[in-house]
Amino acid sequence: MTYTAEAFQNEFLPLGATEVNAIVTVTSTGAEGGRRTWGATEIIIVDASGSMQADGRIGAARQAAKAAVDCIDDGVHFAIIAGVGTAQQLFPDPGQLAVASPATRAAASAAVDRLQASGGTAMGAWLLLAAQLFAQRPGDIAHAILLTDGDNGERQGYLESVLTSIAGKFTCDCRGVGTDWKVSELRKIASAMLGTVDIVARPADLAAAFQRMMTAAMGKTSADVQLKVWTPVNSTVRFVKQVEPEVTDLTGRRVADGARAARYPLGAWGSESRDYHICVDVPAGAAGDEMLAARISIVEGDTVHAQSLVRAVWTEDTALSTRINRQVAHYTGQAELADVIQAGLAARDSGDERTATMKFGRAAQLAHSSGNTATEELLAKVVEIDDAVTGTVRLRRKVAAEDEMALDTRSTKTVRVGRAQ
């Protein structure tokens, strides 16, 4: 498995400037032949609360769970959790993990057919049981799918405490079916667990969604990749964000690695490429001064797979210092796009139509100028876009809940900028 790390930046800074920005593109070939360098464990968590009886959700959830099980490769350990007011292991026996084979996949499907909807919703308990099962296989590529259709019913703060205790133990992709669940709740889980969140508005679409998530998980071949940032004396990292394929702030996940370096978790990897925005504060230099602002390394344990350097050069030449790096500008705009959509939705919910219109107008501008047509199309279901170039929009009086939630969940998805300068 080989990695590359390539930095894109304008290293020239005007006199007095102290902020250095770079976009680092990390690319992995995946393991040779798609073979995993680690074992793998998959856990499927299906909401089986009473509300899942509505609109055929529980039947669709059964089909989705079975579709996901069918995608699990032979030899991968797995389990299924039925999520109610407690966490109940549906397959295999409580406290155990099954090893995927034609026989165990068939047995798991038979167990799923017995799944019934009743009881409440306790996502913290579901995730805690998953963490306990994953703990049996330390070092595995650990991935979970969590499906729900409603609000968490646990005491206030419990889910947050669980997430604090299990963060980094596994990746969790979250899906909400229907429109009676909270995007903020699932985003909180997905963010803490380096996963994704999305809406599946129609129960009939659940099976395809589960197949996509499990197929993607089976493509991961390396378990715990990290981005290591070294900075010189008197320099500090302001933030580290994943900016493609979606915006995820990793700054708070910092783990010190010696006096001048820190590591940020990137989760499991297969054959893929992702972009990261690194911002470093450095002491101001004089004209002609040069310094290494940061050394970026892609690491697994003590193994360094790839490195890239971020430089700072101070100049009095305004033609150099004002040159805009296309990658940095593009992803700064994509991060702003996610922020203004969130602000627009919040303003709309609170009845502040003026702010909502302003924020959605800016979102329309950013989506259009960056070529993010998927987000622009989602915006068009919430506002009338009169002129995307100027950001002239009007709020729609009637917006389907599923359209608003789709815009919310997918607001952090980004598009990659072309590399031509």
Protein backbone atom coordinates (compact mmCIF):
# COMPACT_ATOMS: atom_id res chain seq x y z
CA MET A 1 0.00 0.00 0.00
CA THR A 2 1.58 3.28 -1.07
CA TYR A 3 0.65 6.88 -0.24
CA THR A 4 1.52 10.28 -1.65
CA ALA A 5 1.06 13.69 -0.02
CA GLU A 6 1.17 16.80 -2.18
CA ALA A 7 0.92 20.35 -0.79
CA PHE A 8 -0.71 23.21 -2.73
CA GLN A 9 -0.11 26.74 -1.42
CA ASN A 10 1.15 30.23 -2.13
CA GLU A 11 4.25 30.24 0.07
CA PHE A 12 4.84 33.98 -0.47
CA LEU A 13 3.59 36.16 2.39
CA PRO A 14 3.44 39.96 2.67
CA LEU A 15 5.52 41.59 5.40
CA GLY A 16 3.81 41.25 8.76
CA ALA A 17 1.77 38.18 7.75
CA THR A 18 1.76 35.25 10.16
CA GLU A 19 -0.84 32.86 8.70
CA VAL A 20 0.25 30.03 6.37
CA ASN A 21 -2.37 27.93 4.53
CA ALA A 22 -1.95 24.80 2.46
CA ILE A 23 -4.16 22.14 0.92
CA VAL A 24 -2.57 18.70 1.19
CA THR A 25 -3.87 16.02 -1.15
CA VAL A 26 -3.34 12.52 0.25
CA THR A 27 -3.69 9.63 -2.18
CA SER A 28 -3.49 5.91 -1.47
CA THR A 29 -3.21 3.07 -3.96
CA GLY A 30 -4.81 0.62 -1.54
CA ALA A 31 -3.25 -2.71 -0.72
CA GLU A 32 -2.00 -4.84 -3.60
CA GLY A 33 -4.84 -6.89 -5.01
CA GLY A 34 -7.25 -5.24 -2.56
CA ARG A 35 -5.97 -7.44 0.26
CA ARG A 36 -6.34 -5.99 3.74
CA THR A 37 -3.24 -5.36 5.79
CA TRP A 38 -5.43 -5.80 8.90
CA GLY A 39 -8.45 -7.84 9.95
CA ALA A 40 -11.91 -6.28 9.70
CA THR A 41 -15.00 -6.18 11.90
CA GLU A 42 -18.43 -4.90 10.83
CA ILE A 43 -21.41 -4.17 13.09
CA ILE A 44 -24.88 -3.30 11.82
CA ILE A 45 -27.07 -1.36 14.26
CA VAL A 46 -30.76 -1.29 13.32
CA ASP A 47 -33.30 0.87 15.15
CA ALA A 48 -36.10 -1.48 16.21
CA SER A 49 -38.08 1.04 18.28
CA GLY A 50 -41.86 1.16 18.07
CA SER A 51 -41.87 4.04 15.59
CA MET A 52 -40.18 1.79 13.03
CA GLN A 53 -43.57 0.12 12.50
CA ALA A 54 -44.71 3.20 10.53
CA ASP A 55 -44.53 3.37 6.73
CA GLY A 56 -43.06 -0.11 6.41
CA ARG A 57 -39.76 0.99 7.92
CA ILE A 58 -39.05 -2.16 9.93
CA GLY A 59 -39.60 -4.37 6.89
CA ALA A 60 -37.33 -2.16 4.81
CA ALA A 61 -34.74 -2.19 7.61
CA ARG A 62 -34.77 -5.99 7.62
CA GLN A 63 -34.13 -6.05 3.88
CA ALA A 64 -31.39 -3.44 4.23
CA ALA A 65 -29.62 -5.33 7.01
CA LYS A 66 -29.72 -8.53 4.95
CA ALA A 67 -28.41 -6.66 1.89
CA ALA A 68 -25.50 -5.36 3.98
CA VAL A 69 -24.74 -8.82 5.37
CA ASP A 70 -24.60 -10.20 1.82
CA CYS A 71 -21.83 -7.66 1.05
CA ILE A 72 -19.55 -8.74 3.92
CA ASP A 73 -16.46 -10.57 2.67
CA ASP A 74 -15.63 -14.07 3.86
CA GLY A 75 -13.43 -13.99 6.94
CA VAL A 76 -14.65 -10.61 8.21
CA HIS A 77 -15.99 -10.65 11.77
CA PHE A 78 -19.46 -9.18 12.18
CA ALA A 79 -22.48 -8.75 14.43
CA ILE A 80 -25.98 -7.24 14.31
CA ILE A 81 -27.47 -5.11 17.09
CA ALA A 82 -31.20 -4.46 17.50
CA GLY A 83 -31.56 -0.95 18.87
CA VAL A 84 -34.44 -0.37 21.27
CA GLY A 85 -34.54 1.22 24.74
CA THR A 86 -31.47 -0.92 25.38
CA ALA A 87 -28.95 -2.54 23.05
CA GLN A 88 -29.82 -6.13 22.20
CA GLN A 89 -27.49 -8.29 20.17
CA LEU A 90 -29.52 -9.94 17.45
CA PHE A 91 -26.72 -12.02 15.94
CA PRO A 92 -24.64 -13.99 16.83
CA ASP A 93 -25.04 -14.94 20.53
CA PRO A 94 -24.59 -12.04 22.97
CA GLY A 95 -20.98 -11.02 23.41
CA GLN A 96 -19.83 -12.95 20.36
CA LEU A 97 -18.71 -12.06 16.85
CA ALA A 98 -19.45 -14.23 13.82
CA VAL A 99 -16.97 -14.90 11.02
CA ALA A 100 -18.52 -14.22 7.62
CA SER A 101 -19.14 -17.27 5.45
CA PRO A 102 -22.08 -18.49 3.39
CA ALA A 103 -23.39 -20.31 6.47
CA THR A 104 -23.07 -17.40 8.91
CA ARG A 105 -24.51 -14.92 6.42
CA ALA A 106 -27.55 -17.18 5.99
CA ALA A 107 -27.91 -17.53 9.77
CA ALA A 108 -27.65 -13.76 10.19
CA SER A 109 -30.36 -13.20 7.57
CA ALA A 110 -32.63 -15.65 9.39
CA ALA A 111 -32.04 -13.76 12.64
CA VAL A 112 -32.86 -10.45 10.95
CA ASP A 113 -36.19 -11.87 9.76
CA ARG A 114 -37.18 -12.16 13.44
CA LEU A 115 -36.57 -8.45 14.09
CA GLN A 116 -39.67 -6.75 15.49
CA ALA A 117 -40.32 -3.07 16.24
CA SER A 118 -41.08 -2.13 19.85
CA GLY A 119 -39.65 0.00 22.62
CA GLY A 120 -37.59 3.19 22.67
CA THR A 121 -34.41 4.71 21.23
CA ALA A 122 -31.07 4.61 23.09
CA MET A 123 -28.26 5.40 20.67
CA GLY A 124 -25.63 5.75 23.38
CA ALA A 125 -26.34 2.22 24.60
CA TRP A 126 -26.26 0.88 21.03
CA LEU A 127 -22.87 2.46 20.34
CA LEU A 128 -21.47 1.33 23.69
CA LEU A 129 -22.35 -2.30 22.93
CA ALA A 130 -20.76 -1.95 19.50
CA ALA A 131 -17.57 -0.61 21.11
CA GLN A 132 -17.49 -3.57 23.49
CA LEU A 133 -17.77 -6.00 20.59
CA PHE A 134 -15.12 -4.16 18.56
CA ALA A 135 -12.78 -4.34 21.57
CA GLN A 136 -12.50 -8.10 21.02
CA ARG A 137 -10.59 -7.43 17.80
CA PRO A 138 -8.04 -4.68 18.55
CA GLY A 139 -6.26 -3.48 15.42
CA ASP A 140 -9.06 -4.48 13.05
CA ILE A 141 -10.55 -2.12 10.49
CA ALA A 142 -13.65 -1.40 12.61
CA HIS A 143 -16.79 -0.02 10.95
CA ALA A 144 -20.44 0.27 11.96
CA ILE A 145 -23.67 1.27 10.25
CA LEU A 146 -26.31 2.92 12.44
CA LEU A 147 -29.90 3.34 11.26
CA THR A 148 -32.58 5.25 13.15
CA ASP A 149 -35.91 6.94 12.50
CA GLY A 150 -36.32 9.06 15.64
CA ASP A 151 -34.90 11.10 18.49
CA ASN A 152 -32.57 9.66 21.10
CA GLY A 153 -34.47 8.98 24.34
CA GLU A 154 -31.57 8.72 26.78
CA ARG A 155 -30.94 11.18 29.60
CA GLN A 156 -29.36 14.47 28.54
CA GLY A 157 -25.61 14.23 28.12
CA TYR A 158 -25.39 10.45 28.08
CA LEU A 159 -24.84 10.11 24.34
CA GLU A 160 -22.14 12.78 24.47
CA SER A 161 -20.35 10.97 27.31
CA VAL A 162 -20.45 7.71 25.37
CA LEU A 163 -19.05 9.40 22.25
CA THR A 164 -16.21 10.89 24.30
CA SER A 165 -15.34 7.43 25.65
CA ILE A 166 -15.44 5.59 22.30
CA ALA A 167 -14.18 8.23 19.83
CA GLY A 168 -11.50 6.73 17.63
CA LYS A 169 -12.47 3.13 18.43
CA PHE A 170 -14.37 2.62 15.17
CA THR A 171 -15.91 4.46 12.22
CA CYS A 172 -19.69 4.85 12.17
CA ASP A 173 -21.82 5.79 9.15
CA CYS A 174 -25.26 7.05 10.23
CA ARG A 175 -28.48 7.05 8.26
CA GLY A 176 -31.87 8.44 9.21
CA VAL A 177 -34.97 7.00 7.57
CA GLY A 178 -38.05 9.17 7.16
CA THR A 179 -38.12 12.72 8.56
CA ASP A 180 -38.76 12.31 12.31
CA TRP A 181 -35.10 12.11 13.39
CA LYS A 182 -32.68 14.94 14.19
CA VAL A 183 -29.89 15.72 11.76
CA SER A 184 -27.87 17.36 14.55
CA GLU A 185 -27.98 14.16 16.60
CA LEU A 186 -26.71 11.88 13.86
CA ARG A 187 -24.16 14.48 12.74
CA LYS A 188 -22.82 14.52 16.30
CA ILE A 189 -22.29 10.74 16.15
CA ALA A 190 -20.84 10.74 12.64
CA SER A 191 -18.46 13.59 13.45
CA ALA A 192 -17.16 11.94 16.61
CA MET A 193 -16.75 8.60 14.85
CA LEU A 194 -15.24 9.92 11.58
CA GLY A 195 -18.25 8.65 9.63
CA THR A 196 -20.95 10.06 7.37
CA VAL A 197 -24.56 11.13 7.88
CA ASP A 198 -27.35 11.17 5.34
CA ILE A 199 -31.11 10.92 4.96
CA VAL A 200 -32.92 8.00 3.35
CA ALA A 201 -36.32 9.60 2.92
CA ARG A 202 -38.05 6.55 1.45
CA PRO A 203 -37.79 3.20 3.29
CA ALA A 204 -37.67 1.47 -0.11
CA ASP A 205 -34.23 3.04 -0.68
CA LEU A 206 -32.67 1.62 2.49
CA ALA A 207 -31.33 -1.61 0.98
CA ALA A 208 -29.39 0.23 -1.73
CA ALA A 209 -28.01 2.68 0.85
CA PHE A 210 -26.81 -0.16 3.09
CA GLN A 211 -25.22 -1.95 0.14
CA ARG A 212 -23.27 1.18 -0.80
CA MET A 213 -22.00 1.71 2.74
CA MET A 214 -20.95 -1.90 3.21
CA THR A 215 -19.32 -2.14 -0.21
CA ALA A 216 -17.31 1.00 0.58
CA ALA A 217 -16.31 -0.46 3.95
CA MET A 218 -15.13 -3.68 2.32
CA GLY A 219 -12.83 -1.58 0.13
CA LYS A 220 -10.84 -0.35 3.14
CA THR A 221 -7.49 -2.12 3.40
CA SER A 222 -5.65 -0.20 6.12
CA ALA A 223 -6.97 0.39 9.62
CA ASP A 224 -5.68 3.49 11.37
CA VAL A 225 -4.02 6.14 9.21
CA GLN A 226 -3.01 9.45 10.77
CA LEU A 227 -1.89 12.85 9.56
CA LYS A 228 1.12 14.06 11.56
CA VAL A 229 1.91 17.78 11.60
CA TRP A 230 5.30 19.02 12.83
CA THR A 231 5.82 22.75 13.34
CA PRO A 232 8.96 24.67 14.35
CA VAL A 233 9.48 26.59 17.60
CA ASN A 234 7.07 29.53 18.08
CA SER A 235 4.69 28.15 15.44
CA THR A 236 1.30 26.60 16.17
CA VAL A 237 -1.36 24.74 14.21
CA ARG A 238 -4.52 26.84 13.97
CA PHE A 239 -6.64 24.10 12.40
CA VAL A 240 -6.62 20.85 10.45
CA LYS A 241 -9.72 20.10 8.38
CA GLN A 242 -10.65 17.43 5.90
CA VAL A 243 -12.15 19.43 3.02
CA GLU A 244 -12.84 16.70 0.44
CA PRO A 245 -14.91 14.55 -0.02
CA GLU A 246 -16.65 16.49 2.75
CA VAL A 247 -15.81 19.06 5.41
CA THR A 248 -14.77 17.56 8.75
CA ASP A 249 -12.90 19.57 11.38
CA LEU A 250 -10.14 17.42 12.89
CA THR A 251 -8.57 20.17 15.01
CA GLY A 252 -10.10 18.94 18.26
CA ARG A 253 -8.88 15.39 17.62
CA ARG A 254 -5.25 16.44 18.07
CA VAL A 255 -2.99 14.00 19.95
CA ALA A 256 0.47 15.30 20.88
CA ASP A 257 3.43 13.39 19.44
CA GLY A 258 6.48 14.91 21.06
CA ALA A 259 7.14 18.57 21.77
CA ARG A 260 6.59 19.97 18.26
CA ALA A 261 4.24 17.51 16.55
CA ALA A 262 0.71 16.16 16.77
CA ARG A 263 -1.34 13.48 15.06
CA TYR A 264 -4.85 13.73 13.65
CA PRO A 265 -6.92 10.58 12.91
CA LEU A 266 -7.85 9.89 9.29
CA GLY A 267 -9.57 6.55 9.87
CA ALA A 268 -9.42 3.54 7.57
CA TRP A 269 -8.21 3.82 3.98
CA GLY A 270 -8.50 1.93 0.74
CA SER A 271 -7.71 3.08 -2.78
CA GLU A 272 -8.78 6.73 -2.56
CA SER A 273 -7.78 10.37 -2.31
CA ARG A 274 -8.75 13.06 0.19
CA ASP A 275 -7.86 16.73 0.67
CA TYR A 276 -6.91 18.45 3.93
CA HIS A 277 -6.59 22.14 4.80
CA ILE A 278 -3.77 22.92 7.25
CA CYS A 279 -3.45 26.41 8.72
CA VAL A 280 -0.35 27.32 10.75
CA ASP A 281 0.50 30.51 12.65
CA VAL A 282 4.17 31.48 12.41
CA PRO A 283 6.27 34.45 13.61
CA ALA A 284 6.42 37.29 11.09
CA GLY A 285 9.61 37.43 9.02
CA ALA A 286 11.59 40.11 7.25
CA ALA A 287 11.77 40.49 3.47
CA GLY A 288 13.63 37.50 2.02
CA ASP A 289 13.23 35.32 5.12
CA GLU A 290 12.24 31.72 4.47
CA MET A 291 11.11 29.02 6.88
CA LEU A 292 9.63 25.56 6.96
CA ALA A 293 6.18 26.27 8.41
CA ALA A 294 5.10 22.62 8.75
CA ARG A 295 6.11 19.11 7.82
CA ILE A 296 3.10 16.93 6.98
CA SER A 297 3.46 13.15 7.29
CA ILE A 298 1.04 10.31 6.59
CA VAL A 299 1.70 7.65 9.22
CA GLU A 300 0.52 4.32 10.55
CA GLY A 301 2.05 3.64 13.94
CA ASP A 302 5.79 4.25 13.51
CA THR A 303 5.66 3.86 9.73
CA VAL A 304 5.89 7.06 7.68
CA HIS A 305 4.20 6.52 4.32
CA ALA A 306 4.58 9.97 2.75
CA GLN A 307 5.67 13.52 3.56
CA SER A 308 5.03 17.01 2.25
CA LEU A 309 6.46 20.38 3.24
CA VAL A 310 4.64 23.68 3.83
CA ARG A 311 6.86 26.75 3.40
CA ALA A 312 6.70 30.45 4.21
CA VAL A 313 8.67 33.12 2.30
CA TRP A 314 8.23 36.82 3.13
CA THR A 315 8.39 39.27 0.26
CA GLU A 316 7.81 42.93 -0.57
CA ASP A 317 6.66 41.89 -4.05
CA THR A 318 2.87 42.28 -3.93
CA ALA A 319 2.51 40.40 -7.22
CA LEU A 320 3.82 37.32 -5.42
CA SER A 321 2.17 37.75 -2.02
CA THR A 322 -1.30 38.53 -3.37
CA ARG A 323 -1.39 35.59 -5.77
CA ILE A 324 -4.36 33.45 -4.76
CA ASN A 325 -3.75 29.72 -4.63
CA ARG A 326 -6.67 28.10 -6.38
CA GLN A 327 -6.87 25.06 -4.09
CA VAL A 328 -6.83 27.08 -0.87
CA ALA A 329 -9.41 29.55 -2.21
CA HIS A 330 -11.68 26.79 -3.47
CA TYR A 331 -11.81 24.85 -0.22
CA THR A 332 -12.10 27.97 1.90
CA GLY A 333 -15.23 28.65 -0.15
CA GLN A 334 -16.51 25.08 0.30
CA ALA A 335 -16.11 25.33 4.07
CA GLU A 336 -17.95 28.66 4.02
CA LEU A 337 -20.68 27.05 1.90
CA ALA A 338 -21.31 24.43 4.60
CA ASP A 339 -21.34 27.11 7.30
CA VAL A 340 -23.80 29.46 5.56
CA ILE A 341 -26.20 26.61 4.78
CA GLN A 342 -26.24 25.60 8.44
CA ALA A 343 -26.75 29.25 9.45
CA GLY A 344 -29.51 29.68 6.87
CA LEU A 345 -31.40 26.62 8.08
CA ALA A 346 -31.08 27.76 11.70
CA ALA A 347 -32.35 31.25 10.83
CA ARG A 348 -35.26 29.80 8.86
CA ASP A 349 -36.24 27.56 11.77
CA SER A 350 -36.18 30.53 14.16
CA GLY A 351 -38.34 32.66 11.84
CA ASP A 352 -35.56 35.09 10.89
CA GLU A 353 -36.36 35.25 7.19
CA ARG A 354 -34.02 38.16 6.44
CA THR A 355 -30.95 36.33 7.74
CA ALA A 356 -32.05 33.06 6.16
CA THR A 357 -32.42 34.74 2.76
CA MET A 358 -29.01 36.38 3.07
CA LYS A 359 -27.27 33.15 4.08
CA PHE A 360 -28.96 31.05 1.41
CA GLY A 361 -28.11 33.71 -1.17
CA ARG A 362 -24.44 33.48 -0.26
CA ALA A 363 -24.72 29.67 -0.40
CA ALA A 364 -26.17 29.85 -3.91
CA GLN A 365 -23.25 32.06 -4.98
CA LEU A 366 -20.63 29.73 -3.51
CA ALA A 367 -22.21 26.55 -4.85
CA HIS A 368 -22.51 28.02 -8.33
CA SER A 369 -19.03 29.53 -8.50
CA SER A 370 -17.35 26.35 -7.25
CA GLY A 371 -19.26 24.02 -9.55
CA ASN A 372 -20.97 22.23 -6.66
CA THR A 373 -24.07 21.46 -8.69
CA ALA A 374 -25.36 18.82 -6.25
CA THR A 375 -25.59 21.37 -3.44
CA GLU A 376 -27.02 23.99 -5.79
CA GLU A 377 -29.80 21.57 -6.74
CA LEU A 378 -30.54 20.86 -3.06
CA LEU A 379 -30.66 24.61 -2.35
CA ALA A 380 -33.14 25.10 -5.19
CA LYS A 381 -35.64 22.93 -3.30
CA VAL A 382 -35.50 25.26 -0.29
CA VAL A 383 -35.22 28.64 -2.05
CA GLU A 384 -36.07 30.09 -5.43
CA ILE A 385 -32.71 30.96 -7.01
CA ASP A 386 -33.31 34.02 -9.19
CA ASP A 387 -29.62 34.68 -9.89
CA ALA A 388 -26.94 32.36 -8.53
CA VAL A 389 -24.12 34.66 -9.65
CA THR A 390 -25.34 37.56 -7.48
CA GLY A 391 -26.85 35.32 -4.79
CA THR A 392 -30.39 36.60 -5.32
CA VAL A 393 -32.83 34.10 -3.80
CA ARG A 394 -36.32 33.97 -2.31
CA LEU A 395 -37.46 31.62 0.45
CA ARG A 396 -39.97 29.01 -0.63
CA ARG A 397 -43.12 29.14 1.49
CA LYS A 398 -43.61 25.39 1.44
CA VAL A 399 -40.59 23.12 1.76
CA ALA A 400 -40.82 19.36 2.18
CA ALA A 401 -39.16 18.18 5.40
CA GLU A 402 -37.12 15.64 3.48
CA ASP A 403 -35.73 18.36 1.16
CA GLU A 404 -34.68 20.53 4.09
CA MET A 405 -33.06 17.55 5.85
CA ALA A 406 -31.28 16.49 2.66
CA LEU A 407 -29.79 19.98 2.33
CA ASP A 408 -28.77 19.84 5.99
CA THR A 409 -27.13 16.41 5.90
CA ARG A 410 -25.36 16.97 2.57
CA SER A 411 -24.24 20.55 3.18
CA THR A 412 -20.72 19.39 4.10
CA LYS A 413 -20.17 17.42 0.89
CA THR A 414 -17.64 19.13 -1.35
CA VAL A 415 -16.38 18.98 -4.91
CA ARG A 416 -12.71 18.75 -5.82
CA VAL A 417 -11.01 21.64 -7.55
CA GLY A 418 -9.10 21.08 -10.79
CA ARG A 419 -5.34 21.17 -10.43
CA ALA A 420 -4.60 23.54 -13.31
CA GLN A 421 -3.43 26.93 -12.01
